[in-house]
Amino acid sequence: MSGLDRTQTPKTRPMPKRTALVASLDIGTSKIACMIARLKPCPPNEALRGRTHAVELIGYSQIQSRGMKAGAVVDLAECEQAVRQAVALAEKMAKVRVESVLLSVAGGRLQGQLVEAAADIRGGSVTAADVTRVTSTGMRHATGEGRTVLHALPVGYSVDGVKGVRDPRGMVARQFGIDMHVVTSDAAVARNLMLVVERCHLNVEAMAASPYVAGLSVLTDDEADLGAAVVEMGAGSTTIATYSGGRFVHASGFAVGGQHITMDLARGISACIADAERIKTLYGTVLTGGSDARELMSVPTAGEERDAPQIVSRATIANIVRHRAEEIFEMVRDRLADSPFAAEPRARVVLSGGAAQLTGFPELATRILNRPVRIGRPLGFGRLPNEAKSASFAVPTGLLVYPQYAHLEHVEPRHTRQIKTGTDGYFGKVGRWLREGF
């Protein structure tokens, strides 16, 4: 197995106790969002639990994506141009230059796996080296051919078979074990996202699974404790993060999203894709009433030689949207049934992402998933403009919070092989994204 297959994507170092500048980049199938913020230390009673810094947004941008499909790069040059434009717009607003970014990953068949690993202790007590050794072993066993690790999160430790140990270091033991949640993605998808950013002369400080960071942005403390599933509904993919006991315990995803609704509309009403997207945004709903069949609208026909516009009822549009939405939520239901979420009777579902904002989605999801469902919006952020307070900004805002949770993750020692991208950059590069003194 090559060094590419069994390595970890770049991990950020823990947040310093100073003000820092952070940039997030969410390269989606339909849009690219870049956000630049100052992270300022704040007292625990002034921040959400787990957060040590207040996030003050100073620049952001959102543009149409190019060169992406289902969360993966399909045209390197087109994607690079779009990323350059998005970062430049955010930099102009913030009046700063960005050197590194935190990058989201939604494609590559995200998959979470609970792993157990154990080893005998030679010195009589558990050392930090023992913890690193056992964790690295468990992580490698969870990484299959062609996959790379996005997150390796210890869930619990055991000493001589006794579980529930929070910190085993220094404890006397003959055997030490760890339960951990390992999230992987296709290595090629992660590498090409990294390559796009490096071609823009930027470093990737860290990569994170989209539904995980969306959860950091939109979940309340109670939801994370009692159990919740964050369903991040993008244009090209739908990804899921499950939380239990305040921890991120499962991840999965599939390559069906809001763009498939657009394509269904384009085919169903014989419209061009741009018109179908506009109709979805303005009139997309899964709810129908008695008057919808009588409410008609004019839709331009597709093709170079446009004939007279066709007349379509709102009920027709709602039926097309609902059929695809039902398929998406049924796929979500099947994946949740195979996750720890199934054992959490009080757990709820929180929808995020641009596609989640269509009218009636929470009601439809509630019926299919048989759980309470709400739309998630960024929580605990200062100075967010109105357009950035929506569910579609859950991932880029969550990336700004993510460095404050970096200390929870296992990071492979620096001497291990890193994923090469073919440029001077590499996964695991020492970050230069912190600018002190702001």
Protein backbone atom coordinates (compact mmCIF):
# COMPACT_ATOMS: atom_id res chain seq x y z
CA MET A 1 0.00 0.00 0.00
CA SER A 2 1.37 3.38 -0.98
CA GLY A 3 2.06 6.33 1.29
CA LEU A 4 -0.87 8.11 -0.37
CA ASP A 5 -3.41 5.60 0.86
CA ARG A 6 -2.65 5.60 4.56
CA THR A 7 -1.97 9.14 5.60
CA GLN A 8 -3.86 11.92 7.27
CA THR A 9 -5.02 15.13 5.69
CA PRO A 10 -3.46 18.28 7.18
CA LYS A 11 -4.38 19.10 10.78
CA THR A 12 -4.24 22.53 12.34
CA ARG A 13 -2.40 23.12 15.58
CA PRO A 14 -4.43 24.03 18.70
CA MET A 15 -5.59 27.62 18.99
CA PRO A 16 -3.16 30.00 20.73
CA LYS A 17 -4.41 32.17 23.60
CA ARG A 18 -4.11 35.22 21.39
CA THR A 19 -6.09 36.92 18.67
CA ALA A 20 -5.61 35.19 15.31
CA LEU A 21 -6.71 35.59 11.73
CA VAL A 22 -8.42 32.59 10.13
CA ALA A 23 -9.72 31.98 6.60
CA SER A 24 -12.21 29.26 5.60
CA LEU A 25 -12.87 27.96 2.10
CA ASP A 26 -15.90 25.86 1.15
CA ILE A 27 -15.55 24.68 -2.47
CA GLY A 28 -18.97 23.31 -3.27
CA THR A 29 -20.61 21.98 -6.41
CA SER A 30 -22.77 25.06 -6.95
CA LYS A 31 -21.05 27.78 -4.89
CA ILE A 32 -17.69 28.69 -3.40
CA ALA A 33 -17.70 30.56 -0.09
CA CYS A 34 -14.67 32.17 1.51
CA MET A 35 -14.76 33.75 4.98
CA ILE A 36 -12.05 35.62 6.87
CA ALA A 37 -12.42 36.24 10.60
CA ARG A 38 -10.56 37.38 13.66
CA LEU A 39 -10.69 34.89 16.50
CA LYS A 40 -10.43 36.73 19.82
CA PRO A 41 -10.00 34.95 23.19
CA CYS A 42 -13.08 35.34 25.38
CA PRO A 43 -14.21 34.16 28.83
CA PRO A 44 -16.00 30.78 28.85
CA ASN A 45 -19.25 32.36 30.04
CA GLU A 46 -19.35 34.53 26.91
CA ALA A 47 -18.99 31.72 24.36
CA LEU A 48 -20.76 28.50 23.46
CA ARG A 49 -19.37 25.41 25.18
CA GLY A 50 -16.13 24.19 23.64
CA ARG A 51 -15.33 27.56 22.13
CA THR A 52 -12.45 29.58 23.54
CA HIS A 53 -12.57 32.44 21.02
CA ALA A 54 -15.19 34.82 19.70
CA VAL A 55 -15.46 34.82 15.91
CA GLU A 56 -15.56 38.27 14.31
CA LEU A 57 -16.16 38.12 10.56
CA ILE A 58 -14.20 40.77 8.63
CA GLY A 59 -14.54 39.55 5.04
CA TYR A 60 -16.51 37.03 3.02
CA SER A 61 -17.55 36.12 -0.50
CA GLN A 62 -19.89 33.72 -2.25
CA ILE A 63 -19.65 33.06 -5.98
CA GLN A 64 -20.87 30.45 -8.43
CA SER A 65 -18.66 27.38 -8.43
CA ARG A 66 -16.93 26.04 -11.54
CA GLY A 67 -15.07 22.82 -12.23
CA MET A 68 -16.78 20.80 -9.46
CA LYS A 69 -19.17 17.85 -9.48
CA ALA A 70 -20.52 15.90 -6.47
CA GLY A 71 -17.98 17.59 -4.19
CA ALA A 72 -14.99 16.60 -6.34
CA VAL A 73 -12.79 18.54 -8.76
CA VAL A 74 -13.52 17.71 -12.41
CA ASP A 75 -11.82 20.70 -14.10
CA LEU A 76 -8.66 21.89 -12.33
CA ALA A 77 -8.21 25.15 -14.28
CA GLU A 78 -11.86 26.22 -14.00
CA CYS A 79 -11.97 25.46 -10.28
CA GLU A 80 -8.69 27.30 -9.68
CA GLN A 81 -10.02 30.45 -11.36
CA ALA A 82 -13.18 30.38 -9.26
CA VAL A 83 -11.24 29.87 -6.02
CA ARG A 84 -8.89 32.76 -6.87
CA GLN A 85 -11.91 35.01 -7.44
CA ALA A 86 -13.65 33.99 -4.21
CA VAL A 87 -10.53 34.48 -2.07
CA ALA A 88 -9.70 37.81 -3.72
CA LEU A 89 -13.18 39.18 -3.03
CA ALA A 90 -13.01 38.16 0.64
CA GLU A 91 -9.50 39.60 0.96
CA LYS A 92 -10.64 42.89 -0.55
CA MET A 93 -13.45 43.22 1.97
CA ALA A 94 -11.23 42.23 4.92
CA LYS A 95 -8.30 44.36 3.70
CA VAL A 96 -5.84 41.54 4.47
CA ARG A 97 -3.89 38.94 2.50
CA VAL A 98 -4.58 35.28 3.19
CA GLU A 99 -1.72 32.79 3.26
CA SER A 100 -3.53 29.61 4.33
CA VAL A 101 -7.09 28.34 4.49
CA LEU A 102 -9.17 25.77 6.32
CA LEU A 103 -10.80 23.61 3.66
CA SER A 104 -14.00 21.54 3.74
CA VAL A 105 -14.49 18.11 2.15
CA ALA A 106 -17.97 16.95 1.11
CA GLY A 107 -17.11 14.46 -1.66
CA GLY A 108 -15.11 11.27 -1.76
CA ARG A 109 -17.74 9.05 -0.11
CA LEU A 110 -17.28 10.26 3.45
CA GLN A 111 -17.39 7.39 5.90
CA GLY A 112 -17.03 7.18 9.67
CA GLN A 113 -15.94 4.03 11.46
CA LEU A 114 -15.68 3.19 15.16
CA VAL A 115 -12.38 1.44 15.81
CA GLU A 116 -11.01 -0.36 18.86
CA ALA A 117 -7.27 -0.77 19.39
CA ALA A 118 -5.27 -2.10 22.35
CA ALA A 119 -1.66 -2.83 23.28
CA ASP A 120 0.37 -4.16 26.18
CA ILE A 121 2.14 -1.59 28.34
CA ARG A 122 5.82 -2.33 28.88
CA GLY A 123 6.77 0.34 31.41
CA GLY A 124 4.08 -0.29 33.99
CA SER A 125 2.19 2.95 33.40
CA VAL A 126 0.58 4.53 30.35
CA THR A 127 2.69 7.22 28.67
CA ALA A 128 1.85 9.78 25.99
CA ALA A 129 3.93 7.69 23.59
CA ASP A 130 1.72 4.66 24.33
CA VAL A 131 -1.40 6.71 23.54
CA THR A 132 0.09 7.91 20.24
CA ARG A 133 1.27 4.40 19.30
CA VAL A 134 -2.08 2.71 19.91
CA THR A 135 -4.08 5.52 18.30
CA SER A 136 -1.90 5.47 15.17
CA THR A 137 -2.34 1.70 14.91
CA GLY A 138 -6.12 1.98 15.14
CA MET A 139 -6.19 4.77 12.59
CA ARG A 140 -4.14 2.81 10.07
CA HIS A 141 -6.39 -0.24 10.43
CA ALA A 142 -9.41 1.92 9.62
CA THR A 143 -7.89 3.34 6.43
CA GLY A 144 -8.56 1.22 3.37
CA GLU A 145 -6.95 1.25 -0.05
CA GLY A 146 -7.20 4.66 -1.72
CA ARG A 147 -8.62 6.32 1.40
CA THR A 148 -7.23 9.10 3.59
CA VAL A 149 -8.09 10.12 7.14
CA LEU A 150 -9.91 13.41 7.71
CA HIS A 151 -10.52 12.97 11.44
CA ALA A 152 -9.31 10.58 14.14
CA LEU A 153 -11.23 11.36 17.33
CA PRO A 154 -10.72 9.33 20.52
CA VAL A 155 -14.14 8.46 21.98
CA GLY A 156 -12.99 6.66 25.14
CA TYR A 157 -10.08 4.82 26.74
CA SER A 158 -9.79 1.60 28.73
CA VAL A 159 -7.18 0.38 31.22
CA ASP A 160 -6.96 -3.39 31.82
CA GLY A 161 -10.44 -3.79 30.39
CA VAL A 162 -12.01 -1.04 32.50
CA LYS A 163 -13.77 1.37 30.14
CA GLY A 164 -14.79 4.98 30.62
CA VAL A 165 -11.29 6.29 31.35
CA ARG A 166 -11.00 9.94 30.31
CA ASP A 167 -7.22 10.39 30.40
CA PRO A 168 -5.10 7.23 30.82
CA ARG A 169 -1.71 8.93 30.92
CA GLY A 170 0.19 8.08 34.10
CA MET A 171 -2.20 5.29 35.11
CA VAL A 172 -0.74 1.92 36.09
CA ALA A 173 -1.79 -0.81 33.66
CA ARG A 174 -0.77 -3.96 31.87
CA GLN A 175 -2.94 -3.24 28.84
CA PHE A 176 -4.26 0.00 27.40
CA GLY A 177 -7.07 0.36 24.84
CA ILE A 178 -8.80 3.09 22.88
CA ASP A 179 -12.14 3.49 21.10
CA MET A 180 -11.92 6.04 18.31
CA HIS A 181 -14.00 7.49 15.48
CA VAL A 182 -12.08 7.59 12.21
CA VAL A 183 -13.54 9.54 9.26
CA THR A 184 -12.10 8.81 5.83
CA SER A 185 -12.52 10.10 2.28
CA ASP A 186 -11.21 9.10 -1.13
CA ALA A 187 -7.57 10.17 -1.18
CA ALA A 188 -7.78 11.40 -4.78
CA VAL A 189 -10.69 13.74 -3.97
CA ALA A 190 -8.82 15.25 -1.00
CA ARG A 191 -5.59 15.53 -2.98
CA ASN A 192 -7.20 17.36 -5.91
CA LEU A 193 -9.00 19.82 -3.63
CA MET A 194 -5.63 20.47 -2.02
CA LEU A 195 -4.02 20.89 -5.43
CA VAL A 196 -6.55 23.52 -6.52
CA VAL A 197 -5.79 25.61 -3.44
CA GLU A 198 -2.02 25.24 -3.81
CA ARG A 199 -2.22 26.37 -7.43
CA CYS A 200 -3.70 29.59 -6.02
CA HIS A 201 -0.47 30.00 -3.97
CA LEU A 202 -2.27 29.23 -0.73
CA ASN A 203 -1.49 26.61 1.90
CA VAL A 204 -4.10 24.24 3.28
CA GLU A 205 -3.79 24.43 7.06
CA ALA A 206 -6.44 21.76 7.68
CA MET A 207 -9.15 19.78 5.92
CA ALA A 208 -12.41 18.87 7.65
CA ALA A 209 -15.54 16.90 6.78
CA SER A 210 -18.36 19.27 5.81
CA PRO A 211 -21.10 17.79 8.06
CA TYR A 212 -18.77 17.80 11.10
CA VAL A 213 -17.96 21.50 10.84
CA ALA A 214 -21.59 22.28 9.98
CA GLY A 215 -22.46 20.70 13.32
CA LEU A 216 -19.91 22.90 15.10
CA SER A 217 -21.76 25.89 13.65
CA VAL A 218 -25.45 25.00 14.01
CA LEU A 219 -25.89 22.60 16.95
CA THR A 220 -26.84 23.73 20.45
CA ASP A 221 -25.06 22.13 23.42
CA ASP A 222 -28.21 20.23 24.40
CA GLU A 223 -28.61 18.79 20.91
CA ALA A 224 -25.01 17.55 20.84
CA ASP A 225 -25.43 16.00 24.31
CA LEU A 226 -28.82 14.34 23.80
CA GLY A 227 -27.99 13.21 20.27
CA ALA A 228 -28.40 14.85 16.89
CA ALA A 229 -27.76 14.22 13.22
CA VAL A 230 -26.61 17.10 11.05
CA VAL A 231 -27.69 16.58 7.43
CA GLU A 232 -25.65 18.92 5.22
CA MET A 233 -27.59 19.21 1.95
CA GLY A 234 -25.33 20.54 -0.75
CA ALA A 235 -25.86 20.79 -4.48
CA GLY A 236 -23.88 17.71 -5.47
CA SER A 237 -23.93 15.63 -2.30
CA THR A 238 -25.70 15.06 1.00
CA THR A 239 -23.47 14.34 3.99
CA ILE A 240 -24.35 13.36 7.55
CA ALA A 241 -22.64 13.82 10.93
CA THR A 242 -24.04 12.14 14.03
CA TYR A 243 -23.41 13.52 17.51
CA SER A 244 -23.92 11.71 20.83
CA GLY A 245 -22.87 12.68 24.34
CA GLY A 246 -21.41 15.89 22.96
CA ARG A 247 -19.11 13.99 20.58
CA PHE A 248 -18.95 13.51 16.82
CA VAL A 249 -19.44 9.73 16.52
CA HIS A 250 -20.39 8.91 12.92
CA ALA A 251 -20.21 10.25 9.36
CA SER A 252 -21.56 9.19 5.98
CA GLY A 253 -22.75 10.66 2.71
CA PHE A 254 -23.96 10.06 -0.82
CA ALA A 255 -23.71 11.90 -4.13
CA VAL A 256 -27.30 13.16 -4.44
CA GLY A 257 -28.20 16.75 -3.63
CA GLY A 258 -29.97 19.93 -4.64
CA GLN A 259 -28.56 19.93 -8.16
CA HIS A 260 -30.43 16.70 -8.85
CA ILE A 261 -33.67 18.53 -8.04
CA THR A 262 -32.68 21.21 -10.55
CA MET A 263 -31.98 18.60 -13.23
CA ASP A 264 -35.30 16.87 -12.51
CA LEU A 265 -37.10 20.19 -13.00
CA ALA A 266 -35.21 20.93 -16.22
CA ARG A 267 -36.27 17.58 -17.66
CA GLY A 268 -39.77 17.59 -16.23
CA ILE A 269 -40.80 21.02 -17.54
CA SER A 270 -38.44 21.13 -20.58
CA ALA A 271 -36.56 24.18 -19.29
CA CYS A 272 -32.90 25.07 -19.49
CA ILE A 273 -30.84 24.39 -16.35
CA ALA A 274 -30.48 28.09 -15.43
CA ASP A 275 -34.26 28.61 -15.61
CA ALA A 276 -34.87 25.41 -13.64
CA GLU A 277 -32.50 26.61 -10.89
CA ARG A 278 -34.29 29.96 -10.73
CA ILE A 279 -37.70 28.28 -10.53
CA LYS A 280 -36.45 25.93 -7.81
CA THR A 281 -35.10 28.84 -5.76
CA LEU A 282 -38.20 31.01 -6.14
CA TYR A 283 -41.00 28.44 -6.16
CA GLY A 284 -39.44 25.17 -5.00
CA THR A 285 -41.60 23.48 -2.38
CA VAL A 286 -42.70 20.02 -1.35
CA LEU A 287 -46.02 21.31 0.01
CA THR A 288 -49.09 21.38 -2.23
CA GLY A 289 -52.52 22.86 -1.65
CA GLY A 290 -55.80 22.88 -3.45
CA SER A 291 -55.02 26.07 -5.35
CA ASP A 292 -51.57 24.99 -6.64
CA ALA A 293 -53.04 23.13 -9.60
CA ARG A 294 -54.78 26.36 -10.65
CA GLU A 295 -51.72 28.63 -10.11
CA LEU A 296 -49.94 28.73 -13.45
CA MET A 297 -46.63 30.23 -14.51
CA SER A 298 -44.88 30.82 -17.78
CA VAL A 299 -41.63 28.89 -18.30
CA PRO A 300 -39.26 29.55 -21.25
CA THR A 301 -38.63 26.39 -23.27
CA ALA A 302 -35.11 24.97 -23.57
CA GLY A 303 -33.11 25.10 -26.79
CA GLU A 304 -31.46 27.69 -29.00
CA GLU A 305 -34.65 28.51 -30.88
CA ARG A 306 -37.03 29.28 -28.06
CA ASP A 307 -40.65 28.64 -28.91
CA ALA A 308 -43.54 30.24 -27.10
CA PRO A 309 -43.27 29.81 -23.32
CA GLN A 310 -45.05 26.82 -21.84
CA ILE A 311 -47.52 27.07 -19.00
CA VAL A 312 -46.77 24.99 -15.89
CA SER A 313 -48.75 24.71 -12.67
CA ARG A 314 -47.15 25.15 -9.26
CA ALA A 315 -48.45 21.69 -8.36
CA THR A 316 -46.37 20.17 -11.18
CA ILE A 317 -43.23 21.87 -9.85
CA ALA A 318 -43.96 20.80 -6.27
CA ASN A 319 -44.49 17.17 -7.31
CA ILE A 320 -41.14 17.06 -9.14
CA VAL A 321 -39.31 18.57 -6.18
CA ARG A 322 -41.06 16.30 -3.69
CA HIS A 323 -40.23 13.06 -5.49
CA ARG A 324 -36.49 13.77 -5.42
CA ALA A 325 -36.61 15.16 -1.88
CA GLU A 326 -38.36 12.00 -0.68
CA GLU A 327 -35.60 9.91 -2.26
CA ILE A 328 -32.91 11.98 -0.52
CA PHE A 329 -34.55 11.72 2.92
CA GLU A 330 -35.15 8.00 2.47
CA MET A 331 -31.41 7.58 1.79
CA VAL A 332 -30.67 9.68 4.89
CA ARG A 333 -33.03 7.44 6.91
CA ASP A 334 -31.23 4.29 5.76
CA ARG A 335 -27.83 5.69 6.73
CA LEU A 336 -29.04 6.89 10.11
CA ALA A 337 -30.42 3.43 10.79
CA ASP A 338 -26.86 2.06 10.42
CA SER A 339 -25.35 4.65 12.78
CA PRO A 340 -25.32 5.23 16.58
CA PHE A 341 -28.17 7.69 15.95
CA ALA A 342 -30.62 4.78 15.78
CA ALA A 343 -30.04 4.07 19.48
CA GLU A 344 -30.78 7.68 20.52
CA PRO A 345 -34.59 7.91 20.94
CA ARG A 346 -34.50 11.61 21.90
CA ALA A 347 -32.15 12.66 19.11
CA ARG A 348 -33.24 15.20 16.55
CA VAL A 349 -32.20 16.04 12.98
CA VAL A 350 -30.82 19.42 11.95
CA LEU A 351 -30.77 20.31 8.25
CA SER A 352 -28.10 22.61 6.84
CA GLY A 353 -26.82 23.54 3.39
CA GLY A 354 -28.41 25.48 0.56
CA ALA A 355 -30.75 22.70 -0.57
CA ALA A 356 -32.24 22.44 2.94
CA GLN A 357 -33.88 25.85 2.56
CA LEU A 358 -36.59 24.77 0.13
CA THR A 359 -40.08 25.25 1.51
CA GLY A 360 -41.49 22.27 3.38
CA PHE A 361 -38.24 20.30 3.77
CA PRO A 362 -38.38 20.14 7.60
CA GLU A 363 -41.98 18.87 7.49
CA LEU A 364 -41.17 16.24 4.85
CA ALA A 365 -38.02 15.13 6.71
CA THR A 366 -40.00 14.86 9.97
CA ARG A 367 -42.49 12.52 8.32
CA ILE A 368 -39.89 10.28 6.64
CA LEU A 369 -37.27 10.21 9.43
CA ASN A 370 -39.86 10.11 12.24
CA ARG A 371 -37.75 12.56 14.26
CA PRO A 372 -38.00 16.24 15.19
CA VAL A 373 -36.36 18.26 12.40
CA ARG A 374 -35.29 21.90 12.23
CA ILE A 375 -33.24 24.10 9.89
CA GLY A 376 -29.80 24.86 11.33
CA ARG A 377 -28.26 28.33 11.13
CA PRO A 378 -24.89 29.57 12.41
CA LEU A 379 -24.89 30.12 16.19
CA GLY A 380 -22.67 32.33 18.32
CA PHE A 381 -21.08 34.46 15.61
CA GLY A 382 -20.58 38.20 15.86
CA ARG A 383 -21.21 40.62 12.99
CA LEU A 384 -22.58 38.08 10.54
CA PRO A 385 -24.33 39.85 7.64
CA ASN A 386 -27.90 38.73 7.01
CA GLU A 387 -27.02 36.70 3.91
CA ALA A 388 -24.45 34.70 5.91
CA LYS A 389 -26.92 33.80 8.67
CA SER A 390 -28.61 31.14 6.54
CA ALA A 391 -28.22 27.36 6.50
CA SER A 392 -26.12 27.61 3.33
CA PHE A 393 -23.25 29.13 5.36
CA ALA A 394 -23.14 26.39 8.03
CA VAL A 395 -19.95 24.84 6.60
CA PRO A 396 -17.78 27.96 6.05
CA THR A 397 -18.77 29.39 9.45
CA GLY A 398 -18.15 26.00 11.08
CA LEU A 399 -14.65 25.94 9.60
CA LEU A 400 -13.92 29.19 11.45
CA VAL A 401 -14.84 27.44 14.73
CA TYR A 402 -13.00 24.21 13.89
CA PRO A 403 -9.48 25.26 15.11
CA GLN A 404 -10.89 25.55 18.62
CA TYR A 405 -11.64 21.81 18.52
CA ALA A 406 -8.31 20.76 16.99
CA HIS A 407 -6.93 19.55 20.32
CA LEU A 408 -9.53 16.75 20.39
CA GLU A 409 -8.05 14.99 17.35
CA HIS A 410 -5.17 12.60 16.99
CA VAL A 411 -2.47 13.90 14.67
CA GLU A 412 0.07 11.58 13.09
CA PRO A 413 3.71 12.35 13.95
CA ARG A 414 5.35 14.70 11.47
CA HIS A 415 7.93 12.14 10.33
CA THR A 416 5.26 9.92 8.77
CA ARG A 417 4.76 10.10 5.02
CA GLN A 418 2.45 12.84 3.79
CA ILE A 419 0.21 13.01 0.75
CA LYS A 420 1.98 14.72 -2.12
CA THR A 421 -0.01 16.84 -4.57
CA GLY A 422 2.61 17.32 -7.24
CA THR A 423 3.35 20.88 -6.15
CA ASP A 424 5.75 22.26 -3.57
CA GLY A 425 2.99 21.95 -0.98
CA TYR A 426 2.14 18.85 0.97
CA PHE A 427 -0.43 17.60 3.44
CA GLY A 428 0.67 18.27 6.97
CA LYS A 429 2.59 21.45 6.15
CA VAL A 430 3.42 23.68 9.09
CA GLY A 431 0.65 26.26 9.10
CA ARG A 432 1.20 29.92 8.39
CA TRP A 433 -2.44 30.87 8.71
CA LEU A 434 -2.14 32.57 12.09
CA ARG A 435 -1.30 36.23 12.02
CA GLU A 436 -0.66 37.43 15.51
CA GLY A 437 -1.34 40.86 16.91
CA PHE A 438 -4.72 41.67 15.39
